Protein backbone atom coordinates (compact mmCIF):
# COMPACT_ATOMS: atom_id res chain seq x y z
CA MET A 1 0.00 0.00 0.00
CA GLY A 2 2.85 2.38 0.84
CA SER A 3 4.48 2.15 -2.60
CA SER A 4 1.15 2.59 -4.40
CA GLU A 5 0.28 5.62 -2.27
CA SER A 6 3.66 7.23 -2.90
CA SER A 7 3.41 6.69 -6.66
CA TRP A 8 -0.12 8.05 -6.64
CA ARG A 9 1.01 11.14 -4.71
CA ARG A 10 3.91 11.69 -7.16
CA LEU A 11 1.42 11.51 -10.04
CA GLU A 12 -0.92 13.94 -8.27
CA ASP A 13 1.95 16.36 -7.51
CA SER A 14 3.06 16.38 -11.13
CA GLU A 15 -0.49 17.15 -12.25
CA ARG A 16 -0.76 20.00 -9.74
CA GLU A 17 2.51 21.48 -11.00
CA GLU A 18 1.10 21.46 -14.54
CA THR A 19 -2.14 23.00 -13.31
CA ASP A 20 -0.31 25.75 -11.40
CA SER A 21 1.34 26.94 -14.61
CA GLU A 22 -2.03 27.34 -16.34
CA PRO A 23 -4.38 30.29 -15.88
CA GLN A 24 -6.91 29.61 -13.13
CA THR A 25 -10.65 30.02 -13.60
CA PRO A 26 -11.81 32.97 -11.51
CA PRO A 27 -14.34 32.06 -8.78
CA LEU A 28 -18.01 32.70 -9.41
CA ASP A 29 -19.36 35.51 -7.23
CA ASN A 30 -22.90 35.16 -8.40
CA LEU A 31 -24.78 33.70 -5.45
CA SER A 32 -27.74 32.64 -7.56
CA VAL A 33 -25.49 30.42 -9.70
CA LEU A 34 -24.05 28.73 -6.61
CA TRP A 35 -27.52 28.13 -5.18
CA LYS A 36 -28.85 26.76 -8.48
CA ASN A 37 -26.10 24.17 -8.57
CA ALA A 38 -26.45 23.35 -4.86
CA VAL A 39 -30.23 22.88 -5.09
CA GLY A 40 -29.82 21.04 -8.40
CA PHE A 41 -27.49 18.43 -6.90
CA TRP A 42 -29.71 18.08 -3.81
CA ILE A 43 -32.71 17.31 -6.03
CA LEU A 44 -30.64 14.90 -8.13
CA GLY A 45 -29.56 13.03 -4.99
CA LEU A 46 -33.14 12.96 -3.71
CA CYS A 47 -34.65 11.71 -6.98
CA ASN A 48 -31.88 9.21 -7.70
CA ASN A 49 -32.37 7.33 -4.42
CA PHE A 50 -36.08 8.10 -3.93
CA SER A 51 -37.22 5.69 -6.64
CA TYR A 52 -34.89 3.01 -5.29
CA VAL A 53 -36.27 3.29 -1.73
CA VAL A 54 -39.92 3.41 -2.80
CA MET A 55 -39.49 0.50 -5.18
CA LEU A 56 -38.16 -1.79 -2.45
CA SER A 57 -41.17 -1.13 -0.24
CA ALA A 58 -43.59 -1.54 -3.14
CA ALA A 59 -41.99 -4.73 -4.43
CA HIS A 60 -42.24 -6.33 -1.00
CA ASP A 61 -45.93 -5.39 -0.86
CA ILE A 62 -46.53 -6.93 -4.28
CA LEU A 63 -44.72 -10.12 -3.28
CA LYS A 64 -46.76 -10.26 -0.09
CA GLN A 65 -50.01 -9.91 -2.04
CA GLU A 66 -48.90 -12.72 -4.33
CA GLN A 67 -47.92 -14.84 -1.31
CA ALA A 68 -44.31 -15.11 -2.43
CA SER A 69 -42.01 -17.50 -0.62
CA GLY A 70 -38.97 -16.58 1.45
CA ASN A 71 -36.70 -17.53 -1.44
CA GLN A 72 -38.50 -15.04 -3.66
CA SER A 73 -38.06 -12.37 -0.99
CA HIS A 74 -34.33 -13.08 -1.14
CA ALA A 75 -34.58 -12.69 -4.91
CA VAL A 76 -35.77 -9.12 -4.32
CA LEU A 77 -32.51 -8.39 -2.54
CA LEU A 78 -30.52 -9.89 -5.42
CA ALA A 79 -32.49 -7.95 -8.04
CA ASP A 80 -31.95 -4.87 -5.92
CA ILE A 81 -28.19 -5.03 -5.57
CA LEU A 82 -26.69 -7.05 -8.47
CA PRO A 83 -27.42 -4.61 -11.35
CA THR A 84 -25.96 -1.72 -9.35
CA LEU A 85 -22.89 -3.80 -8.50
CA VAL A 86 -22.28 -4.70 -12.16
CA ILE A 87 -22.67 -1.08 -13.28
CA LYS A 88 -20.25 0.21 -10.66
CA LEU A 89 -17.69 -2.49 -11.38
CA LEU A 90 -17.70 -1.71 -15.11
CA ALA A 91 -18.01 2.08 -14.79
CA PRO A 92 -14.27 2.86 -14.39
CA LEU A 93 -13.48 0.76 -17.47
CA GLY A 94 -15.65 2.41 -20.08
CA LEU A 95 -18.63 4.39 -18.81
CA HIS A 96 -16.79 7.61 -19.68
CA LEU A 97 -17.27 6.73 -23.36
CA LEU A 98 -20.98 7.53 -22.95
CA PRO A 99 -21.71 11.28 -22.55
CA TYR A 100 -23.46 12.50 -19.42
CA SER A 101 -26.78 13.52 -20.94
CA PRO A 102 -27.66 10.08 -22.41
CA ARG A 103 -26.73 8.48 -19.10
CA VAL A 104 -29.12 10.77 -17.23
CA LEU A 105 -31.88 10.05 -19.75
CA VAL A 106 -31.38 6.28 -19.37
CA SER A 107 -31.47 6.63 -15.58
CA GLY A 108 -34.71 8.63 -15.73
CA VAL A 109 -36.39 6.21 -18.16
CA CYS A 110 -35.42 3.22 -16.00
CA SER A 111 -36.78 4.94 -12.91
CA ALA A 112 -40.13 5.65 -14.58
CA GLY A 113 -40.20 2.14 -16.03
CA SER A 114 -39.71 0.61 -12.59
CA PHE A 115 -42.76 2.45 -11.24
CA VAL A 116 -44.95 1.38 -14.17
CA LEU A 117 -43.80 -2.27 -14.17
CA VAL A 118 -44.38 -2.85 -10.47
CA ALA A 119 -47.64 -0.86 -10.48
CA PHE A 120 -49.17 -3.12 -13.14
CA SER A 121 -47.37 -6.29 -12.11
CA GLN A 122 -49.41 -9.49 -12.10
CA SER A 123 -46.50 -11.81 -11.35
CA VAL A 124 -43.41 -12.09 -9.20
CA GLY A 125 -41.17 -12.04 -12.28
CA LEU A 126 -42.54 -8.71 -13.49
CA SER A 127 -42.16 -7.22 -10.00
CA LEU A 128 -38.53 -8.32 -9.93
CA CYS A 129 -37.98 -6.73 -13.35
CA GLY A 130 -39.23 -3.48 -11.86
CA VAL A 131 -36.76 -3.79 -8.99
CA VAL A 132 -33.96 -4.43 -11.52
CA LEU A 133 -34.87 -1.25 -13.41
CA ALA A 134 -34.84 0.74 -10.16
CA SER A 135 -31.43 -0.70 -9.34
CA ILE A 136 -30.07 0.21 -12.79
CA SER A 137 -31.45 3.73 -12.42
CA SER A 138 -29.93 4.23 -8.97
CA GLY A 139 -26.53 2.72 -9.79
CA LEU A 140 -26.11 4.52 -13.10
CA GLY A 141 -27.34 7.77 -11.57
CA GLU A 142 -24.95 7.63 -8.62
CA VAL A 143 -21.92 6.95 -10.80
CA THR A 144 -22.94 9.68 -13.25
CA PHE A 145 -23.76 12.44 -10.78
CA LEU A 146 -20.84 11.81 -8.44
CA SER A 147 -18.37 11.92 -11.34
CA LEU A 148 -20.15 15.07 -12.56
CA THR A 149 -19.33 16.82 -9.26
CA ALA A 150 -15.70 16.90 -10.43
CA PHE A 151 -16.63 19.86 -12.67
CA TYR A 152 -18.29 21.90 -9.90
CA PRO A 153 -17.17 23.36 -6.56
CA SER A 154 -16.59 20.63 -3.96
CA ALA A 155 -19.51 21.95 -1.88
CA VAL A 156 -21.98 20.26 -4.24
CA ILE A 157 -20.85 16.89 -2.86
CA SER A 158 -22.42 17.84 0.46
CA TRP A 159 -25.67 18.79 -1.26
CA TRP A 160 -25.75 15.60 -3.32
CA SER A 161 -25.12 13.49 -0.21
CA SER A 162 -27.81 15.34 1.74
CA GLY A 163 -30.30 14.68 -1.06
CA THR A 164 -29.52 10.96 -1.09
CA GLY A 165 -29.95 10.86 2.68
CA GLY A 166 -33.27 12.68 2.43
CA ALA A 167 -34.46 10.13 -0.13
CA GLY A 168 -34.21 7.31 2.37
CA LEU A 169 -36.32 9.17 4.90
CA LEU A 170 -38.81 10.89 2.57
CA GLY A 171 -39.14 7.92 0.21
CA SER A 172 -40.10 5.42 2.89
CA LEU A 173 -42.36 7.88 4.74
CA SER A 174 -44.17 9.04 1.58
CA TYR A 175 -44.92 5.48 0.44
CA LEU A 176 -46.07 4.50 3.93
CA GLY A 177 -48.16 7.66 4.31
CA LEU A 178 -49.93 7.35 0.96
CA THR A 179 -50.75 3.68 1.42
CA GLN A 180 -51.93 4.29 4.99
CA ALA A 181 -54.14 7.10 3.68
CA GLY A 182 -56.00 4.58 1.55
CA LEU A 183 -54.20 4.58 -1.81
CA SER A 184 -53.41 1.18 -3.26
CA PRO A 185 -49.74 0.33 -3.94
CA GLN A 186 -50.51 0.65 -7.68
CA HIS A 187 -51.92 4.18 -7.43
CA THR A 188 -49.19 5.20 -4.99
CA LEU A 189 -46.50 4.19 -7.49
CA LEU A 190 -48.21 5.89 -10.40
CA SER A 191 -48.51 9.10 -8.36
CA MET A 192 -44.71 9.12 -8.04
CA LEU A 193 -43.97 9.21 -11.77
CA GLY A 194 -43.17 12.89 -11.31
CA ILE A 195 -39.93 11.96 -9.52
CA PRO A 196 -38.00 10.94 -12.68
CA VAL A 197 -39.40 14.02 -14.45
CA LEU A 198 -38.11 16.21 -11.61
CA MET A 199 -34.68 14.58 -11.89
CA LEU A 200 -34.44 15.27 -15.62
CA ALA A 201 -35.65 18.85 -15.15
CA SER A 202 -33.07 19.44 -12.44
CA TYR A 203 -30.24 18.19 -14.64
CA PHE A 204 -31.20 19.84 -17.92
CA LEU A 205 -32.82 23.06 -16.68
CA LEU A 206 -31.49 23.87 -13.21
CA LEU A 207 -27.80 22.94 -13.23
CA THR A 208 -25.56 25.49 -14.89
CA SER A 209 -22.80 24.56 -17.30
CA PRO A 210 -19.52 23.67 -15.53
CA GLU A 211 -16.84 26.35 -15.52
CA PRO A 212 -14.69 26.38 -18.67
CA LEU A 213 -11.20 25.02 -18.15
CA ASP A 214 -9.63 27.77 -20.23
CA PRO A 215 -12.01 30.74 -20.32
CA GLY A 216 -11.42 33.78 -22.46
CA GLY A 217 -11.99 36.08 -19.50
CA GLN A 218 -14.05 36.79 -16.41
CA ASP A 219 -17.19 37.87 -18.27
CA GLU A 220 -17.06 34.91 -20.63
CA ALA A 221 -16.55 32.48 -17.73
CA GLU A 222 -19.50 33.84 -15.77
CA THR A 223 -21.74 33.84 -18.84
CA ALA A 224 -20.91 30.22 -19.64
CA ALA A 225 -21.45 29.17 -16.03
CA ARG A 226 -24.95 30.67 -15.93
CA GLN A 227 -26.14 28.68 -18.94
CA PRO A 228 -28.18 25.51 -18.38
CA LEU A 229 -26.73 22.22 -19.59
CA ILE A 230 -29.00 21.98 -22.63
CA GLY A 231 -27.16 23.08 -25.75
CA THR A 232 -23.88 23.92 -23.99
CA GLU A 233 -20.48 22.32 -23.88
CA THR A 234 -20.67 19.18 -21.76
CA PRO A 235 -17.94 17.92 -19.42
CA GLU A 236 -17.11 14.95 -21.61
CA SER A 237 -16.20 17.26 -24.50
CA ARG A 238 -13.58 19.13 -22.47
CA PRO A 239 -9.85 18.39 -22.43
CA GLY A 240 -8.25 17.29 -19.17
CA THR A 241 -10.99 14.87 -18.10
CA SER A 242 -10.79 11.13 -17.43
CA TRP A 243 -11.05 10.56 -21.19
CA ASP A 244 -7.34 11.42 -21.36
CA LEU A 245 -6.16 8.93 -18.71
CA SER A 246 -4.13 5.89 -19.71
CA LEU A 247 -4.78 2.50 -18.13
CA GLN A 248 -1.58 2.89 -16.11
CA GLU A 249 -2.75 6.23 -14.74
CA ARG A 250 -6.14 4.77 -13.87
CA TRP A 251 -4.55 1.86 -12.01
CA THR A 252 -2.20 4.18 -10.11
CA VAL A 253 -5.06 6.45 -9.09
CA PHE A 254 -7.22 3.48 -8.07
CA LYS A 255 -4.48 2.06 -5.83
CA GLY A 256 -4.23 5.43 -4.11
CA LEU A 257 -7.99 5.42 -3.57
CA LEU A 258 -7.90 2.17 -1.61
CA ARG A 259 -7.29 4.03 1.65
CA TYR A 260 -10.74 5.58 1.15
CA ILE A 261 -12.51 2.65 -0.52
CA ILE A 262 -11.65 -0.02 2.08
CA PRO A 263 -12.98 1.90 5.13
CA LEU A 264 -16.22 2.74 3.30
CA VAL A 265 -16.65 -0.92 2.26
CA LEU A 266 -16.25 -1.94 5.91
CA VAL A 267 -18.72 0.70 7.10
CA TYR A 268 -21.40 -0.48 4.67
CA PHE A 269 -20.65 -4.14 5.33
CA ALA A 270 -21.25 -3.71 9.07
CA GLU A 271 -24.18 -1.34 8.50
CA TYR A 272 -26.14 -3.61 6.19
CA PHE A 273 -25.18 -6.71 8.14
CA ILE A 274 -27.09 -5.10 11.00
CA ASN A 275 -30.00 -4.02 8.78
CA GLN A 276 -30.40 -7.28 6.85
CA GLY A 277 -29.41 -9.81 9.49
CA LEU A 278 -30.24 -8.37 12.91
CA PHE A 279 -33.09 -5.85 12.72
CA GLU A 280 -35.85 -8.48 12.72
CA LEU A 281 -34.18 -10.34 15.59
CA LEU A 282 -33.99 -7.28 17.88
CA PHE A 283 -37.48 -7.86 19.26
CA PHE A 284 -38.70 -6.59 22.65
CA ARG A 285 -41.83 -7.97 24.29
CA ASN A 286 -41.95 -5.42 27.13
CA THR A 287 -43.30 -2.66 24.89
CA SER A 288 -46.62 -1.73 23.30
CA LEU A 289 -45.05 -1.80 19.82
CA SER A 290 -45.68 -4.85 17.67
CA HIS A 291 -42.85 -6.68 15.94
CA ALA A 292 -43.65 -4.95 12.64
CA GLN A 293 -43.86 -1.53 14.32
CA GLN A 294 -40.51 -2.06 16.02
CA TYR A 295 -38.94 -2.90 12.65
CA ARG A 296 -40.42 0.25 11.06
CA TRP A 297 -39.04 2.36 13.90
CA TYR A 298 -35.59 0.83 13.38
CA GLN A 299 -35.72 1.69 9.69
CA MET A 300 -36.96 5.23 10.27
CA LEU A 301 -34.33 6.01 12.94
CA TYR A 302 -31.61 4.57 10.75
CA GLN A 303 -32.69 6.70 7.78
CA ALA A 304 -32.94 9.78 10.02
CA GLY A 305 -29.37 9.25 11.19
CA VAL A 306 -28.13 8.83 7.62
CA PHE A 307 -29.90 12.00 6.50
CA ALA A 308 -28.56 14.06 9.42
CA SER A 309 -24.94 13.00 8.96
CA ARG A 310 -24.97 13.24 5.16
CA SER A 311 -26.12 16.83 5.64
CA SER A 312 -23.48 17.66 8.26
CA LEU A 313 -20.38 18.27 6.14
CA GLN A 314 -20.44 22.03 6.72
CA CYS A 315 -20.45 21.44 10.50
CA CYS A 316 -18.19 18.41 10.89
CA ARG A 317 -15.50 17.09 8.57
CA ILE A 318 -13.67 13.80 9.20
CA ARG A 319 -10.47 13.08 7.34
CA PHE A 320 -9.62 9.68 8.84
CA THR A 321 -12.65 7.66 7.81
CA TRP A 322 -11.12 4.41 9.05
CA ILE A 323 -12.21 5.56 12.52
CA LEU A 324 -15.82 5.41 11.35
CA ALA A 325 -15.24 1.90 9.97
CA LEU A 326 -13.89 0.74 13.33
CA LEU A 327 -16.82 2.25 15.23
CA GLN A 328 -19.37 0.68 12.88
CA CYS A 329 -17.76 -2.75 13.25
CA LEU A 330 -17.94 -2.34 17.05
CA ASN A 331 -21.59 -1.41 16.61
CA LEU A 332 -22.17 -4.65 14.71
CA ALA A 333 -20.42 -6.71 17.40
CA PHE A 334 -22.47 -5.03 20.15
CA LEU A 335 -25.84 -5.67 18.48
CA LEU A 336 -24.90 -9.24 17.51
CA ALA A 337 -24.02 -9.90 21.15
CA ASP A 338 -27.40 -8.54 22.23
CA VAL A 339 -29.22 -10.79 19.76
CA CYS A 340 -27.44 -13.81 21.25
CA LEU A 341 -27.50 -12.79 24.93
CA THR A 342 -30.44 -10.31 25.15
CA PHE A 343 -28.80 -8.15 27.80
CA LEU A 344 -30.32 -4.78 26.83
CA PRO A 345 -33.37 -4.09 29.03
CA SER A 346 -35.15 -1.48 26.88
CA ILE A 347 -35.95 -0.93 23.22
CA TYR A 348 -35.06 2.74 23.64
CA LEU A 349 -31.41 1.78 24.05
CA ILE A 350 -31.64 -0.03 20.71
CA PHE A 351 -33.22 3.09 19.21
CA ILE A 352 -30.16 5.12 20.25
CA VAL A 353 -27.72 2.54 18.87
CA ILE A 354 -29.53 2.36 15.52
CA LEU A 355 -29.66 6.16 15.20
CA TYR A 356 -25.91 6.12 15.92
CA GLU A 357 -25.46 3.45 13.24
CA GLY A 358 -27.10 5.70 10.66
CA LEU A 359 -24.99 8.67 11.73
CA LEU A 360 -21.78 6.67 11.23
CA GLY A 361 -22.85 5.39 7.80
CA GLY A 362 -23.90 8.79 6.48
CA ALA A 363 -20.76 10.50 7.80
CA ALA A 364 -18.53 7.88 6.17
CA TYR A 365 -20.20 8.38 2.77
CA VAL A 366 -20.09 12.17 2.57
CA ASN A 367 -16.61 12.53 4.08
CA THR A 368 -15.12 9.85 1.85
CA PHE A 369 -16.17 11.56 -1.37
CA HIS A 370 -15.36 15.02 -0.01
CA ASN A 371 -11.83 13.89 0.89
CA ILE A 372 -11.36 12.33 -2.55
CA ALA A 373 -12.50 15.57 -4.21
CA LEU A 374 -10.02 17.61 -2.16
CA GLU A 375 -7.02 15.32 -2.53
CA THR A 376 -7.13 14.48 -6.24
CA SER A 377 -6.03 16.67 -9.11
CA ASP A 378 -8.50 18.16 -11.58
CA LYS A 379 -7.50 15.63 -14.21
CA HIS A 380 -8.04 12.60 -11.99
CA ARG A 381 -11.05 13.74 -9.98
CA GLU A 382 -13.76 12.57 -12.37
CA PHE A 383 -12.29 9.07 -12.59
CA ALA A 384 -11.62 8.93 -8.84
CA MET A 385 -15.23 9.74 -7.95
CA GLU A 386 -16.45 7.18 -10.48
CA ALA A 387 -14.15 4.43 -9.20
CA ALA A 388 -14.90 5.01 -5.51
CA CYS A 389 -18.65 4.52 -6.11
CA ILE A 390 -18.14 0.76 -5.85
CA SER A 391 -17.45 1.02 -2.10
CA ASP A 392 -20.97 1.13 -0.67
CA THR A 393 -22.43 -1.42 -3.10
CA LEU A 394 -19.56 -3.86 -2.53
CA GLY A 395 -20.02 -3.61 1.23
CA ILE A 396 -23.77 -4.17 0.92
CA SER A 397 -23.24 -7.19 -1.37
CA LEU A 398 -20.72 -8.82 0.97
CA SER A 399 -22.99 -8.26 3.96
CA GLY A 400 -25.92 -9.85 2.12
CA VAL A 401 -23.89 -12.98 1.42
CA LEU A 402 -23.24 -13.46 5.14
CA ALA A 403 -26.16 -11.72 6.85
CA LEU A 404 -29.01 -13.72 5.29
CA PRO A 405 -27.60 -17.18 6.22
CA LEU A 406 -26.74 -15.91 9.70
CA HIS A 407 -30.27 -14.53 10.10
CA ASP A 408 -31.75 -17.94 9.21
CA PHE A 409 -29.32 -19.68 11.58
CA LEU A 410 -30.14 -17.41 14.53
CA CYS A 411 -33.88 -17.84 13.88
CA HIS A 412 -33.54 -21.59 14.42
CA LEU A 413 -31.60 -21.32 17.66
CA PRO A 414 -33.51 -22.61 20.72
C-alpha cells in the first residue's frame, strides 16, 4: 500500500505542478449560480435514491399480495443489488465513453419504467424486473452524478449526499403515508412518476454549465457558467478529463484510492449486516409496539441518522474515515451480542444505537467523497469519484452474502 500511495502522490503532484502553470478560472461571485447548482445536486440526490427506496417497499408489498415464498423475498434483494454492483464495477473501465446527458436520460427512463412495471405487475417475475430497473437507475445515476461533481465546486458533494440521505427518509415515509391514507400500492406508485421528471428537469434546466477550463476572461466564464446544460459544452467534451487517462494512470489512481474505498466498504458491510441480518431479531416484548412496528421504527431512525450525517459536512469534517469503519464494526459486534445474549433491558437503548449506526454510515459516505475531491487533481477527480462509487455497493453485497444465512441460523436457535 505504501508504494502505491507514494506513486499516486507523485502523479498527483506532477499534475498539480502542470495545473499551477495554467491560468486559473476565476471564482463565481454570483450567489444565484451557486444556489442553483447546490439545489440542483440536492434534487438529483433525492430523486436518484427516492425511486430506489420506494421500489423496495412496493416490491415487498406486491410479493406479499402474491404470497411469495422466502426464497423469492431473497430474490428481491438480489435484483436490488446485483445490477448496481455490475454497473459500478464496469463504470471505471468504459462508462466515460458515454456522454453524461444520455446516461441521465437512461437513468430517468429506468426509474419511470420501474414504477410502471411494479404498479401493473401481475406476477413475481414482473415485479422483480421493476426492482432491476430501479437498481439500474440508482446505480447509473450515482456513478454519473458523483463523477459530474468533479466539474463543480466541492460543496456540491455535500448537497448531493444530503439529497440521497433525504431520499431514504422521505421515500419510505411518503410510500407508507400514501398507502396508509388509503391509496393502493398501484396508485401510490403511479402518483410518483413525477420523480424521474423532476430529476431530468433538475439536470437539464437547473444545473448550470460547468466552468470552462480555459475561459477567455471573467465575463465569458461567468456567462458560460450561468447557462443551463442543454445546448452547452458538456464535461465529456472538455480536455483534461478522465477521457485522457491511460490505463496505467487509472490503475495508479485506483491504488491510491484504496485508503478511502476499504474503510467505506467496511462501514457499509457492518451497517447492512445489521440491517439485513439483525433488525428483525432485535425484538422486545416489554413494549406496546408490535414486531412490525418495532422494525419500522428501526428503519426510520436509521434513515434519520443517515440523513442528518450526510447533511453535516459544513459542520463536521472527518479526514480519517477508518475511525468510522472501526466504530461501525464495534456497533455490529455489540448488536450481535445482544441478539445472542439479550442483555439490553429497553428498546429505547436499541433506538439510540440504531440512530448512531445511521450517523456513522452517512458520515462515512459524505466525508469519503469530499476527501477524494479535495485530494485528487483536476484531471483525476472525475475518474476517482467514479471508481470510488463501488465502495458502498460492494459492502452491501458482501454483507448480504453473510447476513441472510446468519439470520436464518439465529432464527432456528432454541
